[in-house]
Structures are given as C-alpha cells and as structure tokens.
Amino acid sequence: MIGNRLKEERLRLRLSQTALGKIGGVQKASQIAYEKEERFPDARYLTALHKHGIDIYYVLIGERSPGPVSRLDKNVILPVATAALTWLQTTEREVTPELLANILTILYDAASHGLDEEHLSDQLRAVI
C-alpha cells in the first residue's frame, strides 16, 4: 500500500525511479524496493520527498493532505469578513494589500481560537 502510493506520487510528478531516489538520497534499487514494499523508507527520505512536492501524508496514511484553501472554515471566515468589512468602512487609513493581509491574518488567527466578533474588534483596535 505505501509502495503503491509512493509510486503514484512519483508518477504524478512524472519522475523516474532514479530521479525520485536521488531526491530522497537513495539509489534506484532502494527506490524499487520501497515501491515493492520489500523495504520501507525512513524519515530522512520522506522529509526530502516532502520538500519536493510529494504528498507524504498520502503516502503514509492513504488520504490526501488538505491544501491551505481546504482548511478554511466558513464559520471562521464569516466573522473575520464581517470584522474586516466593518473596519474597512470606518478607517481613514490607506489600505494597502500588505496591511489588509496582516489584518486578515490576525483576525483569522483570533477567530480560529474561538474569539467572538467583539473580541475580533478588540484585536483590530489593538493592532491599528
């Protein structure tokens, strides 16, 4: 199973066994053994592969790791959007993309920890 998923990831990235082995710091023979499940990769190998786009969570668990967008929770985003819009409507500051990104990040972090809209507003006032 791990071997099959490792092979799937290698093929998804259009890599040869030699190329993936090189990325992971092993010879082609080791890569073949991993894919046949005659041997199992160590953490150093998996870490190297992860840095090159292999979904290690999928290889080990069999489920695709969630991408950044799929981790966004509408129940968290809604109060963040409400607080940000309220702030945008009342501020006289020039809103640059960097400032807006900073505000949204702070609000999202606060909302992710369960803070209600009043606390989100307090977070905004503290930052601005």
C-alpha atoms as a PDB file:
ATOM      1  CA  MET A   1       0.000   0.000   0.000  1.00  0.00           C
ATOM      2  CA  ILE A   2       2.676   2.523   0.960  1.00  0.00           C
ATOM      3  CA  GLY A   3       4.722   1.339  -2.008  1.00  0.00           C
ATOM      4  CA  ASN A   4       1.800   1.767  -4.402  1.00  0.00           C
ATOM      5  CA  ARG A   5       1.047   5.260  -3.123  1.00  0.00           C
ATOM      6  CA  LEU A   6       4.707   6.223  -3.321  1.00  0.00           C
ATOM      7  CA  LYS A   7       4.720   5.058  -6.944  1.00  0.00           C
ATOM      8  CA  GLU A   8       1.501   7.011  -7.626  1.00  0.00           C
ATOM      9  CA  GLU A   9       3.110  10.170  -6.283  1.00  0.00           C
ATOM     10  CA  ARG A  10       6.256   9.557  -8.330  1.00  0.00           C
ATOM     11  CA  LEU A  11       4.175   9.130 -11.477  1.00  0.00           C
ATOM     12  CA  ARG A  12       2.016  12.149 -10.610  1.00  0.00           C
ATOM     13  CA  LEU A  13       5.167  14.277 -10.626  1.00  0.00           C
ATOM     14  CA  ARG A  14       6.445  12.475 -13.738  1.00  0.00           C
ATOM     15  CA  LEU A  15       9.636  11.290 -12.067  1.00  0.00           C
ATOM     16  CA  SER A  16      11.629   8.162 -12.807  1.00  0.00           C
ATOM     17  CA  GLN A  17      12.604   5.806 -10.007  1.00  0.00           C
ATOM     18  CA  THR A  18      16.169   7.028 -10.375  1.00  0.00           C
ATOM     19  CA  ALA A  19      15.114  10.689 -10.106  1.00  0.00           C
ATOM     20  CA  LEU A  20      12.902  10.164  -7.061  1.00  0.00           C
ATOM     21  CA  GLY A  21      15.565   8.056  -5.397  1.00  0.00           C
ATOM     22  CA  LYS A  22      18.084  10.827  -5.979  1.00  0.00           C
ATOM     23  CA  ILE A  23      15.732  13.381  -4.397  1.00  0.00           C
ATOM     24  CA  GLY A  24      15.355  11.078  -1.392  1.00  0.00           C
ATOM     25  CA  GLY A  25      19.074  10.356  -1.202  1.00  0.00           C
ATOM     26  CA  VAL A  26      18.856   6.673  -2.180  1.00  0.00           C
ATOM     27  CA  GLN A  27      19.850   4.559  -5.158  1.00  0.00           C
ATOM     28  CA  LYS A  28      17.372   3.279  -7.748  1.00  0.00           C
ATOM     29  CA  ALA A  29      17.473  -0.195  -6.180  1.00  0.00           C
ATOM     30  CA  SER A  30      16.247   1.230  -2.854  1.00  0.00           C
ATOM     31  CA  GLN A  31      13.508   3.163  -4.625  1.00  0.00           C
ATOM     32  CA  ILE A  32      12.348  -0.023  -6.335  1.00  0.00           C
ATOM     33  CA  ALA A  33      12.403  -1.868  -3.001  1.00  0.00           C
ATOM     34  CA  TYR A  34      10.271   0.886  -1.413  1.00  0.00           C
ATOM     35  CA  GLU A  35       7.716   0.704  -4.205  1.00  0.00           C
ATOM     36  CA  LYS A  36       7.586  -3.119  -3.952  1.00  0.00           C
ATOM     37  CA  GLU A  37       7.378  -2.831  -0.142  1.00  0.00           C
ATOM     38  CA  GLU A  38      10.440  -5.011   0.280  1.00  0.00           C
ATOM     39  CA  ARG A  39      11.859  -2.158   2.379  1.00  0.00           C
ATOM     40  CA  PHE A  40      10.316   0.926   3.976  1.00  0.00           C
ATOM     41  CA  PRO A  41      11.651   4.479   3.725  1.00  0.00           C
ATOM     42  CA  ASP A  42      12.999   6.352   6.731  1.00  0.00           C
ATOM     43  CA  ALA A  43      12.114   9.853   7.920  1.00  0.00           C
ATOM     44  CA  ARG A  44      15.099  11.489   6.196  1.00  0.00           C
ATOM     45  CA  TYR A  45      13.964  10.127   2.826  1.00  0.00           C
ATOM     46  CA  LEU A  46      10.324  11.127   3.384  1.00  0.00           C
ATOM     47  CA  THR A  47      11.303  14.626   4.514  1.00  0.00           C
ATOM     48  CA  ALA A  48      13.381  15.132   1.370  1.00  0.00           C
ATOM     49  CA  LEU A  49      10.485  13.969  -0.799  1.00  0.00           C
ATOM     50  CA  HIS A  50       8.056  16.258   1.000  1.00  0.00           C
ATOM     51  CA  LYS A  51      10.285  19.236   0.190  1.00  0.00           C
ATOM     52  CA  HIS A  52       9.957  18.313  -3.493  1.00  0.00           C
ATOM     53  CA  GLY A  53       6.164  18.120  -3.627  1.00  0.00           C
ATOM     54  CA  ILE A  54       5.429  14.514  -2.682  1.00  0.00           C
ATOM     55  CA  ASP A  55       2.296  14.265  -0.525  1.00  0.00           C
ATOM     56  CA  ILE A  56       3.843  12.299   2.332  1.00  0.00           C
ATOM     57  CA  TYR A  57       0.572  12.256   4.263  1.00  0.00           C
ATOM     58  CA  TYR A  58      -0.995  10.432   1.316  1.00  0.00           C
ATOM     59  CA  VAL A  59       1.927   8.023   1.020  1.00  0.00           C
ATOM     60  CA  LEU A  60       1.733   7.065   4.704  1.00  0.00           C
ATOM     61  CA  ILE A  61      -1.988   7.354   5.512  1.00  0.00           C
ATOM     62  CA  GLY A  62      -3.732   6.988   2.157  1.00  0.00           C
ATOM     63  CA  GLU A  63      -5.610  10.306   2.346  1.00  0.00           C
ATOM     64  CA  ARG A  64      -4.630  13.462   0.531  1.00  0.00           C
ATOM     65  CA  SER A  65      -3.338  16.153   2.840  1.00  0.00           C
ATOM     66  CA  PRO A  66      -5.615  19.165   2.863  1.00  0.00           C
ATOM     67  CA  GLY A  67      -4.347  22.157   0.945  1.00  0.00           C
ATOM     68  CA  PRO A  68      -4.365  25.602   2.532  1.00  0.00           C
ATOM     69  CA  VAL A  69      -7.678  26.592   0.961  1.00  0.00           C
ATOM     70  CA  SER A  70      -9.480  23.448   2.059  1.00  0.00           C
ATOM     71  CA  ARG A  71      -8.532  24.180   5.659  1.00  0.00           C
ATOM     72  CA  LEU A  72     -10.505  27.415   5.693  1.00  0.00           C
ATOM     73  CA  ASP A  73     -13.657  27.143   7.745  1.00  0.00           C
ATOM     74  CA  LYS A  74     -16.651  29.256   6.713  1.00  0.00           C
ATOM     75  CA  ASN A  75     -17.660  29.551  10.374  1.00  0.00           C
ATOM     76  CA  VAL A  76     -14.294  31.190  10.988  1.00  0.00           C
ATOM     77  CA  ILE A  77     -14.213  33.232   7.777  1.00  0.00           C
ATOM     78  CA  LEU A  78     -17.644  34.843   8.251  1.00  0.00           C
ATOM     79  CA  PRO A  79     -16.801  36.746  11.471  1.00  0.00           C
ATOM     80  CA  VAL A  80     -13.394  37.620  10.005  1.00  0.00           C
ATOM     81  CA  ALA A  81     -15.037  39.050   6.885  1.00  0.00           C
ATOM     82  CA  THR A  82     -17.587  40.941   8.997  1.00  0.00           C
ATOM     83  CA  ALA A  83     -14.917  42.492  11.209  1.00  0.00           C
ATOM     84  CA  ALA A  84     -12.702  43.344   8.226  1.00  0.00           C
ATOM     85  CA  LEU A  85     -15.561  44.970   6.291  1.00  0.00           C
ATOM     86  CA  THR A  86     -16.606  46.999   9.327  1.00  0.00           C
ATOM     87  CA  TRP A  87     -13.040  48.180   9.764  1.00  0.00           C
ATOM     88  CA  LEU A  88     -12.652  48.992   6.050  1.00  0.00           C
ATOM     89  CA  GLN A  89     -15.835  51.094   6.116  1.00  0.00           C
ATOM     90  CA  THR A  90     -14.674  53.120   9.105  1.00  0.00           C
ATOM     91  CA  THR A  91     -10.954  53.533   8.590  1.00  0.00           C
ATOM     92  CA  GLU A  92      -9.368  56.599   7.083  1.00  0.00           C
ATOM     93  CA  ARG A  93      -6.063  54.840   6.660  1.00  0.00           C
ATOM     94  CA  GLU A  94      -4.732  53.932   3.249  1.00  0.00           C
ATOM     95  CA  VAL A  95      -5.371  50.213   2.957  1.00  0.00           C
ATOM     96  CA  THR A  96      -2.507  48.535   1.144  1.00  0.00           C
ATOM     97  CA  PRO A  97      -2.638  44.850   0.199  1.00  0.00           C
ATOM     98  CA  GLU A  98       0.020  44.164   2.848  1.00  0.00           C
ATOM     99  CA  LEU A  99      -1.978  45.931   5.571  1.00  0.00           C
ATOM    100  CA  LEU A 100      -5.154  44.095   4.577  1.00  0.00           C
ATOM    101  CA  ALA A 101      -3.295  40.757   4.562  1.00  0.00           C
ATOM    102  CA  ASN A 102      -1.925  41.490   8.036  1.00  0.00           C
ATOM    103  CA  ILE A 103      -5.380  42.418   9.332  1.00  0.00           C
ATOM    104  CA  LEU A 104      -6.984  39.307   7.831  1.00  0.00           C
ATOM    105  CA  THR A 105      -4.249  37.079   9.247  1.00  0.00           C
ATOM    106  CA  ILE A 106      -4.649  38.499  12.746  1.00  0.00           C
ATOM    107  CA  LEU A 107      -8.410  38.203  12.562  1.00  0.00           C
ATOM    108  CA  TYR A 108      -8.305  34.669  11.177  1.00  0.00           C
ATOM    109  CA  ASP A 109      -5.922  33.554  13.908  1.00  0.00           C
ATOM    110  CA  ALA A 110      -8.161  35.107  16.562  1.00  0.00           C
ATOM    111  CA  ALA A 111     -11.338  33.617  15.076  1.00  0.00           C
ATOM    112  CA  SER A 112      -9.664  30.202  14.776  1.00  0.00           C
ATOM    113  CA  HIS A 113      -9.245  30.273  18.530  1.00  0.00           C
ATOM    114  CA  GLY A 114     -12.952  30.835  19.039  1.00  0.00           C
ATOM    115  CA  LEU A 115     -12.981  34.567  19.726  1.00  0.00           C
ATOM    116  CA  ASP A 116     -16.361  36.179  19.027  1.00  0.00           C
ATOM    117  CA  GLU A 117     -16.958  39.318  16.931  1.00  0.00           C
ATOM    118  CA  GLU A 118     -16.494  41.633  19.912  1.00  0.00           C
ATOM    119  CA  HIS A 119     -13.096  40.107  20.608  1.00  0.00           C
ATOM    120  CA  LEU A 120     -12.207  40.328  16.922  1.00  0.00           C
ATOM    121  CA  SER A 121     -12.981  44.053  17.028  1.00  0.00           C
ATOM    122  CA  ASP A 122     -10.776  44.338  20.124  1.00  0.00           C
ATOM    123  CA  GLN A 123      -7.978  42.579  18.201  1.00  0.00           C
ATOM    124  CA  LEU A 124      -8.343  45.074  15.360  1.00  0.00           C
ATOM    125  CA  ARG A 125      -8.233  48.077  17.683  1.00  0.00           C
ATOM    126  CA  ALA A 126      -5.140  46.700  19.357  1.00  0.00           C
ATOM    127  CA  VAL A 127      -3.334  46.357  16.058  1.00  0.00           C
ATOM    128  CA  ILE A 128      -4.366  49.579  14.380  1.00  0.00           C
END
